[in-house]
PDB file of N, CA and C in Angstrom:
ATOM      1  N   MET A   1      57.696 110.154 164.824  1.00  0.00           N
ATOM      2  CA  MET A   1      58.811 109.711 165.645  1.00  0.00           C
ATOM      3  C   MET A   1      58.602 110.290 167.048  1.00  0.00           C
ATOM      4  N   GLU A   2      58.747 109.460 168.053  1.00  0.00           N
ATOM      5  CA  GLU A   2      58.503 109.939 169.416  1.00  0.00           C
ATOM      6  C   GLU A   2      59.605 110.899 169.875  1.00  0.00           C
ATOM      7  N   SER A   3      59.246 111.773 170.797  1.00  0.00           N
ATOM      8  CA  SER A   3      60.149 112.860 171.181  1.00  0.00           C
ATOM      9  C   SER A   3      61.452 112.357 171.801  1.00  0.00           C
ATOM     10  N   LYS A   4      61.443 111.249 172.520  1.00  0.00           N
ATOM     11  CA  LYS A   4      62.685 110.724 173.114  1.00  0.00           C
ATOM     12  C   LYS A   4      63.695 110.376 172.025  1.00  0.00           C
ATOM     13  N   ILE A   5      63.233 109.753 170.953  1.00  0.00           N
ATOM     14  CA  ILE A   5      64.129 109.392 169.845  1.00  0.00           C
ATOM     15  C   ILE A   5      64.663 110.653 169.175  1.00  0.00           C
ATOM     16  N   VAL A   6      63.782 111.639 168.963  1.00  0.00           N
ATOM     17  CA  VAL A   6      64.202 112.905 168.363  1.00  0.00           C
ATOM     18  C   VAL A   6      65.250 113.575 169.256  1.00  0.00           C
ATOM     19  N   LYS A   7      65.001 113.625 170.550  1.00  0.00           N
ATOM     20  CA  LYS A   7      65.959 114.242 171.483  1.00  0.00           C
ATOM     21  C   LYS A   7      67.299 113.515 171.492  1.00  0.00           C
ATOM     22  N   ASP A   8      67.259 112.191 171.434  1.00  0.00           N
ATOM     23  CA  ASP A   8      68.506 111.419 171.409  1.00  0.00           C
ATOM     24  C   ASP A   8      69.342 111.765 170.175  1.00  0.00           C
ATOM     25  N   LYS A   9      68.679 111.914 169.034  1.00  0.00           N
ATOM     26  CA  LYS A   9      69.391 112.262 167.791  1.00  0.00           C
ATOM     27  C   LYS A   9      69.921 113.688 167.852  1.00  0.00           C
ATOM     28  N   ILE A  10      69.129 114.597 168.422  1.00  0.00           N
ATOM     29  CA  ILE A  10      69.597 115.977 168.577  1.00  0.00           C
ATOM     30  C   ILE A  10      70.808 116.001 169.505  1.00  0.00           C
ATOM     31  N   LYS A  11      70.756 115.225 170.578  1.00  0.00           N
ATOM     32  CA  LYS A  11      71.879 115.183 171.525  1.00  0.00           C
ATOM     33  C   LYS A  11      73.152 114.718 170.825  1.00  0.00           C
ATOM     34  N   GLU A  12      73.045 113.727 169.940  1.00  0.00           N
ATOM     35  CA  GLU A  12      74.207 113.268 169.171  1.00  0.00           C
ATOM     36  C   GLU A  12      74.809 114.427 168.379  1.00  0.00           C
ATOM     37  N   VAL A  13      73.952 115.226 167.761  1.00  0.00           N
ATOM     38  CA  VAL A  13      74.417 116.379 166.982  1.00  0.00           C
ATOM     39  C   VAL A  13      75.102 117.388 167.898  1.00  0.00           C
ATOM     40  N   LEU A  14      74.471 117.704 169.019  1.00  0.00           N
ATOM     41  CA  LEU A  14      75.058 118.683 169.942  1.00  0.00           C
ATOM     42  C   LEU A  14      76.429 118.234 170.434  1.00  0.00           C
ATOM     43  N   ILE A  15      76.541 116.978 170.805  1.00  0.00           N
ATOM     44  CA  ILE A  15      77.831 116.455 171.276  1.00  0.00           C
ATOM     45  C   ILE A  15      78.870 116.539 170.169  1.00  0.00           C
ATOM     46  N   SER A  16      78.469 116.216 168.949  1.00  0.00           N
ATOM     47  CA  SER A  16      79.375 116.254 167.804  1.00  0.00           C
ATOM     48  C   SER A  16      79.894 117.670 167.545  1.00  0.00           C
ATOM     49  N   VAL A  17      79.011 118.648 167.582  1.00  0.00           N
ATOM     50  CA  VAL A  17      79.395 120.028 167.275  1.00  0.00           C
ATOM     51  C   VAL A  17      80.105 120.687 168.457  1.00  0.00           C
ATOM     52  N   LEU A  18      79.561 120.512 169.652  1.00  0.00           N
ATOM     53  CA  LEU A  18      80.075 121.218 170.824  1.00  0.00           C
ATOM     54  C   LEU A  18      81.217 120.490 171.521  1.00  0.00           C
ATOM     55  N   GLU A  19      81.383 119.210 171.206  1.00  0.00           N
ATOM     56  CA  GLU A  19      82.454 118.374 171.740  1.00  0.00           C
ATOM     57  C   GLU A  19      82.387 118.208 173.259  1.00  0.00           C
ATOM     58  N   HIS A  20      81.175 118.208 173.807  1.00  0.00           N
ATOM     59  CA  HIS A  20      80.962 117.884 175.212  1.00  0.00           C
ATOM     60  C   HIS A  20      79.498 117.512 175.404  1.00  0.00           C
ATOM     61  N   ASN A  21      79.197 116.925 176.547  1.00  0.00           N
ATOM     62  CA  ASN A  21      77.803 116.581 176.850  1.00  0.00           C
ATOM     63  C   ASN A  21      77.416 117.099 178.232  1.00  0.00           C
ATOM     64  N   ASN A  22      77.880 118.290 178.540  1.00  0.00           N
ATOM     65  CA  ASN A  22      77.598 118.914 179.834  1.00  0.00           C
ATOM     66  C   ASN A  22      76.265 119.653 179.803  1.00  0.00           C
ATOM     67  N   PHE A  23      75.202 118.954 179.464  1.00  0.00           N
ATOM     68  CA  PHE A  23      73.876 119.539 179.417  1.00  0.00           C
ATOM     69  C   PHE A  23      72.855 118.425 179.570  1.00  0.00           C
ATOM     70  N   GLU A  24      71.672 118.795 179.992  1.00  0.00           N
ATOM     71  CA  GLU A  24      70.579 117.841 180.149  1.00  0.00           C
ATOM     72  C   GLU A  24      69.523 118.144 179.093  1.00  0.00           C
ATOM     73  N   MET A  25      69.078 117.123 178.386  1.00  0.00           N
ATOM     74  CA  MET A  25      68.113 117.302 177.300  1.00  0.00           C
ATOM     75  C   MET A  25      66.696 117.455 177.861  1.00  0.00           C
ATOM     76  N   ILE A  26      66.384 118.668 178.296  1.00  0.00           N
ATOM     77  CA  ILE A  26      65.048 118.964 178.798  1.00  0.00           C
ATOM     78  C   ILE A  26      64.378 119.934 177.828  1.00  0.00           C
ATOM     79  N   ASP A  27      63.059 119.971 177.841  1.00  0.00           N
ATOM     80  CA  ASP A  27      62.322 120.834 176.910  1.00  0.00           C
ATOM     81  C   ASP A  27      62.688 122.306 177.069  1.00  0.00           C
ATOM     82  N   GLU A  28      63.053 122.732 178.267  1.00  0.00           N
ATOM     83  CA  GLU A  28      63.351 124.136 178.535  1.00  0.00           C
ATOM     84  C   GLU A  28      64.778 124.532 178.164  1.00  0.00           C
ATOM     85  N   LEU A  29      65.602 123.577 177.712  1.00  0.00           N
ATOM     86  CA  LEU A  29      66.997 123.857 177.374  1.00  0.00           C
ATOM     87  C   LEU A  29      67.085 124.887 176.246  1.00  0.00           C
ATOM     88  N   THR A  30      67.944 125.891 176.436  1.00  0.00           N
ATOM     89  CA  THR A  30      68.205 126.887 175.394  1.00  0.00           C
ATOM     90  C   THR A  30      69.707 126.941 175.130  1.00  0.00           C
ATOM     91  N   ALA A  31      70.079 127.599 174.056  1.00  0.00           N
ATOM     92  CA  ALA A  31      71.491 127.739 173.706  1.00  0.00           C
ATOM     93  C   ALA A  31      72.267 128.432 174.826  1.00  0.00           C
ATOM     94  N   GLN A  32      71.638 129.352 175.513  1.00  0.00           N
ATOM     95  CA  GLN A  32      72.307 130.081 176.596  1.00  0.00           C
ATOM     96  C   GLN A  32      72.682 129.169 177.766  1.00  0.00           C
ATOM     97  N   ASP A  33      72.013 128.019 177.862  1.00  0.00           N
ATOM     98  CA  ASP A  33      72.279 127.084 178.950  1.00  0.00           C
ATOM     99  C   ASP A  33      73.466 126.165 178.682  1.00  0.00           C
ATOM    100  N   VAL A  34      73.998 126.190 177.457  1.00  0.00           N
ATOM    101  CA  VAL A  34      75.008 125.215 177.053  1.00  0.00           C
ATOM    102  C   VAL A  34      76.310 125.928 176.674  1.00  0.00           C
ATOM    103  N   ASP A  35      77.404 125.546 177.345  1.00  0.00           N
ATOM    104  CA  ASP A  35      78.716 126.121 177.033  1.00  0.00           C
ATOM    105  C   ASP A  35      79.082 125.879 175.578  1.00  0.00           C
ATOM    106  N   GLY A  36      79.527 126.934 174.903  1.00  0.00           N
ATOM    107  CA  GLY A  36      80.001 126.800 173.528  1.00  0.00           C
ATOM    108  C   GLY A  36      78.933 126.916 172.462  1.00  0.00           C
ATOM    109  N   TRP A  37      77.671 127.003 172.863  1.00  0.00           N
ATOM    110  CA  TRP A  37      76.584 127.106 171.871  1.00  0.00           C
ATOM    111  C   TRP A  37      76.391 128.583 171.558  1.00  0.00           C
ATOM    112  N   ASP A  38      77.147 129.057 170.560  1.00  0.00           N
ATOM    113  CA  ASP A  38      77.064 130.445 170.139  1.00  0.00           C
ATOM    114  C   ASP A  38      76.430 130.512 168.752  1.00  0.00           C
ATOM    115  N   SER A  39      76.447 131.681 168.126  1.00  0.00           N
ATOM    116  CA  SER A  39      75.763 131.838 166.837  1.00  0.00           C
ATOM    117  C   SER A  39      76.387 130.968 165.739  1.00  0.00           C
ATOM    118  N   LEU A  40      77.700 130.826 165.744  1.00  0.00           N
ATOM    119  CA  LEU A  40      78.356 129.994 164.732  1.00  0.00           C
ATOM    120  C   LEU A  40      78.030 128.519 164.936  1.00  0.00           C
ATOM    121  N   SER A  41      78.155 128.047 166.164  1.00  0.00           N
ATOM    122  CA  SER A  41      77.841 126.638 166.419  1.00  0.00           C
ATOM    123  C   SER A  41      76.349 126.376 166.209  1.00  0.00           C
ATOM    124  N   HIS A  42      75.516 127.391 166.429  1.00  0.00           N
ATOM    125  CA  HIS A  42      74.081 127.235 166.202  1.00  0.00           C
ATOM    126  C   HIS A  42      73.803 126.884 164.736  1.00  0.00           C
ATOM    127  N   MET A  43      74.452 127.584 163.826  1.00  0.00           N
ATOM    128  CA  MET A  43      74.249 127.300 162.397  1.00  0.00           C
ATOM    129  C   MET A  43      74.757 125.897 162.042  1.00  0.00           C
ATOM    130  N   MET A  44      75.859 125.492 162.649  1.00  0.00           N
ATOM    131  CA  MET A  44      76.376 124.144 162.412  1.00  0.00           C
ATOM    132  C   MET A  44      75.402 123.097 162.952  1.00  0.00           C
ATOM    133  N   ILE A  45      74.831 123.371 164.118  1.00  0.00           N
ATOM    134  CA  ILE A  45      73.866 122.448 164.724  1.00  0.00           C
ATOM    135  C   ILE A  45      72.631 122.319 163.838  1.00  0.00           C
ATOM    136  N   ILE A  46      72.103 123.440 163.375  1.00  0.00           N
ATOM    137  CA  ILE A  46      70.909 123.413 162.516  1.00  0.00           C
ATOM    138  C   ILE A  46      71.187 122.623 161.242  1.00  0.00           C
ATOM    139  N   THR A  47      72.335 122.851 160.624  1.00  0.00           N
ATOM    140  CA  THR A  47      72.692 122.139 159.392  1.00  0.00           C
ATOM    141  C   THR A  47      72.811 120.640 159.633  1.00  0.00           C
ATOM    142  N   LYS A  48      73.456 120.260 160.726  1.00  0.00           N
ATOM    143  CA  LYS A  48      73.610 118.830 161.037  1.00  0.00           C
ATOM    144  C   LYS A  48      72.274 118.180 161.387  1.00  0.00           C
ATOM    145  N   ILE A  49      71.387 118.924 162.042  1.00  0.00           N
ATOM    146  CA  ILE A  49      70.051 118.397 162.343  1.00  0.00           C
ATOM    147  C   ILE A  49      69.286 118.166 161.045  1.00  0.00           C
ATOM    148  N   GLU A  50      69.384 119.116 160.114  1.00  0.00           N
ATOM    149  CA  GLU A  50      68.724 118.938 158.813  1.00  0.00           C
ATOM    150  C   GLU A  50      69.228 117.665 158.133  1.00  0.00           C
ATOM    151  N   ASP A  51      70.540 117.455 158.163  1.00  0.00           N
ATOM    152  CA  ASP A  51      71.121 116.257 157.547  1.00  0.00           C
ATOM    153  C   ASP A  51      70.673 114.988 158.273  1.00  0.00           C
ATOM    154  N   LYS A  52      70.704 115.010 159.598  1.00  0.00           N
ATOM    155  CA  LYS A  52      70.392 113.816 160.395  1.00  0.00           C
ATOM    156  C   LYS A  52      68.948 113.359 160.189  1.00  0.00           C
ATOM    157  N   PHE A  53      68.025 114.330 160.094  1.00  0.00           N
ATOM    158  CA  PHE A  53      66.608 113.995 159.951  1.00  0.00           C
ATOM    159  C   PHE A  53      66.127 114.076 158.505  1.00  0.00           C
ATOM    160  N   ASN A  54      67.033 114.439 157.597  1.00  0.00           N
ATOM    161  CA  ASN A  54      66.695 114.577 156.178  1.00  0.00           C
ATOM    162  C   ASN A  54      65.514 115.544 155.990  1.00  0.00           C
ATOM    163  N   ILE A  55      65.661 116.726 156.599  1.00  0.00           N
ATOM    164  CA  ILE A  55      64.639 117.770 156.503  1.00  0.00           C
ATOM    165  C   ILE A  55      65.326 119.081 156.138  1.00  0.00           C
ATOM    166  N   LYS A  56      64.524 120.086 155.797  1.00  0.00           N
ATOM    167  CA  LYS A  56      65.020 121.441 155.564  1.00  0.00           C
ATOM    168  C   LYS A  56      64.158 122.403 156.352  1.00  0.00           C
ATOM    169  N   PHE A  57      64.791 123.228 157.161  1.00  0.00           N
ATOM    170  CA  PHE A  57      64.066 124.245 157.902  1.00  0.00           C
ATOM    171  C   PHE A  57      63.819 125.449 157.016  1.00  0.00           C
ATOM    172  N   LYS A  58      62.667 126.052 157.165  1.00  0.00           N
ATOM    173  CA  LYS A  58      62.373 127.332 156.535  1.00  0.00           C
ATOM    174  C   LYS A  58      62.590 128.404 157.596  1.00  0.00           C
ATOM    175  N   ILE A  59      62.684 129.647 157.157  1.00  0.00           N
ATOM    176  CA  ILE A  59      62.894 130.747 158.103  1.00  0.00           C
ATOM    177  C   ILE A  59      61.798 130.763 159.167  1.00  0.00           C
ATOM    178  N   ARG A  60      60.564 130.528 158.767  1.00  0.00           N
ATOM    179  CA  ARG A  60      59.476 130.561 159.753  1.00  0.00           C
ATOM    180  C   ARG A  60      59.625 129.438 160.784  1.00  0.00           C
ATOM    181  N   ASP A  61      60.199 128.296 160.365  1.00  0.00           N
ATOM    182  CA  ASP A  61      60.479 127.215 161.321  1.00  0.00           C
ATOM    183  C   ASP A  61      61.506 127.677 162.350  1.00  0.00           C
ATOM    184  N   LEU A  62      62.565 128.308 161.871  1.00  0.00           N
ATOM    185  CA  LEU A  62      63.635 128.754 162.761  1.00  0.00           C
ATOM    186  C   LEU A  62      63.149 129.839 163.720  1.00  0.00           C
ATOM    187  N   ASN A  63      62.211 130.657 163.259  1.00  0.00           N
ATOM    188  CA  ASN A  63      61.657 131.710 164.121  1.00  0.00           C
ATOM    189  C   ASN A  63      60.827 131.134 165.263  1.00  0.00           C
ATOM    190  N   LYS A  64      60.341 129.911 165.118  1.00  0.00           N
ATOM    191  CA  LYS A  64      59.542 129.262 166.158  1.00  0.00           C
ATOM    192  C   LYS A  64      60.399 128.670 167.270  1.00  0.00           C
ATOM    193  N   LEU A  65      61.699 128.571 167.040  1.00  0.00           N
ATOM    194  CA  LEU A  65      62.578 127.891 167.988  1.00  0.00           C
ATOM    195  C   LEU A  65      62.860 128.770 169.200  1.00  0.00           C
ATOM    196  N   LYS A  66      62.325 128.359 170.327  1.00  0.00           N
ATOM    197  CA  LYS A  66      62.532 129.070 171.586  1.00  0.00           C
ATOM    198  C   LYS A  66      63.361 128.242 172.558  1.00  0.00           C
ATOM    199  N   ASN A  67      63.240 126.909 172.454  1.00  0.00           N
ATOM    200  CA  ASN A  67      63.942 126.003 173.363  1.00  0.00           C
ATOM    201  C   ASN A  67      63.944 124.604 172.736  1.00  0.00           C
ATOM    202  N   MET A  68      64.458 123.636 173.465  1.00  0.00           N
ATOM    203  CA  MET A  68      64.554 122.271 172.945  1.00  0.00           C
ATOM    204  C   MET A  68      63.182 121.696 172.630  1.00  0.00           C
ATOM    205  N   GLY A  69      62.195 121.975 173.459  1.00  0.00           N
ATOM    206  CA  GLY A  69      60.847 121.473 173.217  1.00  0.00           C
ATOM    207  C   GLY A  69      60.286 121.957 171.893  1.00  0.00           C
ATOM    208  N   SER A  70      60.502 123.228 171.572  1.00  0.00           N
ATOM    209  CA  SER A  70      59.994 123.747 170.298  1.00  0.00           C
ATOM    210  C   SER A  70      60.773 123.173 169.120  1.00  0.00           C
ATOM    211  N   LEU A  71      62.076 122.927 169.295  1.00  0.00           N
ATOM    212  CA  LEU A  71      62.869 122.299 168.236  1.00  0.00           C
ATOM    213  C   LEU A  71      62.347 120.895 167.946  1.00  0.00           C
ATOM    214  N   VAL A  72      62.086 120.136 168.990  1.00  0.00           N
ATOM    215  CA  VAL A  72      61.542 118.777 168.832  1.00  0.00           C
ATOM    216  C   VAL A  72      60.209 118.833 168.095  1.00  0.00           C
ATOM    217  N   SER A  73      59.343 119.757 168.468  1.00  0.00           N
ATOM    218  CA  SER A  73      58.028 119.886 167.816  1.00  0.00           C
ATOM    219  C   SER A  73      58.152 120.218 166.337  1.00  0.00           C
ATOM    220  N   VAL A  74      59.051 121.145 166.007  1.00  0.00           N
ATOM    221  CA  VAL A  74      59.235 121.507 164.598  1.00  0.00           C
ATOM    222  C   VAL A  74      59.766 120.313 163.807  1.00  0.00           C
ATOM    223  N   ILE A  75      60.735 119.605 164.365  1.00  0.00           N
ATOM    224  CA  ILE A  75      61.274 118.423 163.685  1.00  0.00           C
ATOM    225  C   ILE A  75      60.175 117.381 163.497  1.00  0.00           C
ATOM    226  N   GLN A  76      59.396 117.109 164.519  1.00  0.00           N
ATOM    227  CA  GLN A  76      58.322 116.117 164.403  1.00  0.00           C
ATOM    228  C   GLN A  76      57.316 116.516 163.328  1.00  0.00           C
ATOM    229  N   SER A  77      57.061 117.788 163.167  1.00  0.00           N
ATOM    230  CA  SER A  77      56.100 118.235 162.157  1.00  0.00           C
ATOM    231  C   SER A  77      56.641 118.070 160.744  1.00  0.00           C
ATOM    232  N   LYS A  78      57.965 117.958 160.604  1.00  0.00           N
ATOM    233  CA  LYS A  78      58.572 117.865 159.281  1.00  0.00           C
ATOM    234  C   LYS A  78      58.889 116.429 158.852  1.00  0.00           C
ATOM    235  N   ILE A  79      58.855 115.482 159.804  1.00  0.00           N
ATOM    236  CA  ILE A  79      59.179 114.097 159.429  1.00  0.00           C
ATOM    237  C   ILE A  79      57.943 113.211 159.416  1.00  0.00           C
TER     238      ILE A  79
END
C-alpha cells in the first residue's frame, strides 16, 4: 500500500481520537507536535490503527516508532 494511502488512513484515526485536524501529515510529525496526543490517546491511536489496518504491533515494532514516517514504514511492512 502506498504511503499516501497509509497516511490518509492514519489521519482518519488521529482525527477520530483527538477530535481535531490541527496538524500536517508529514514524515517528521511526532506526538509532541499535536495538541492532545498524550500517552493515553497514544494507546487509543495504536489500537485503532491496528483495527483499521487489521494488523498487530509487537513491542519491537512500537520501539521503532520515532515519527510519522517510521509509523508508515512499520505499517507497510505488516500489510
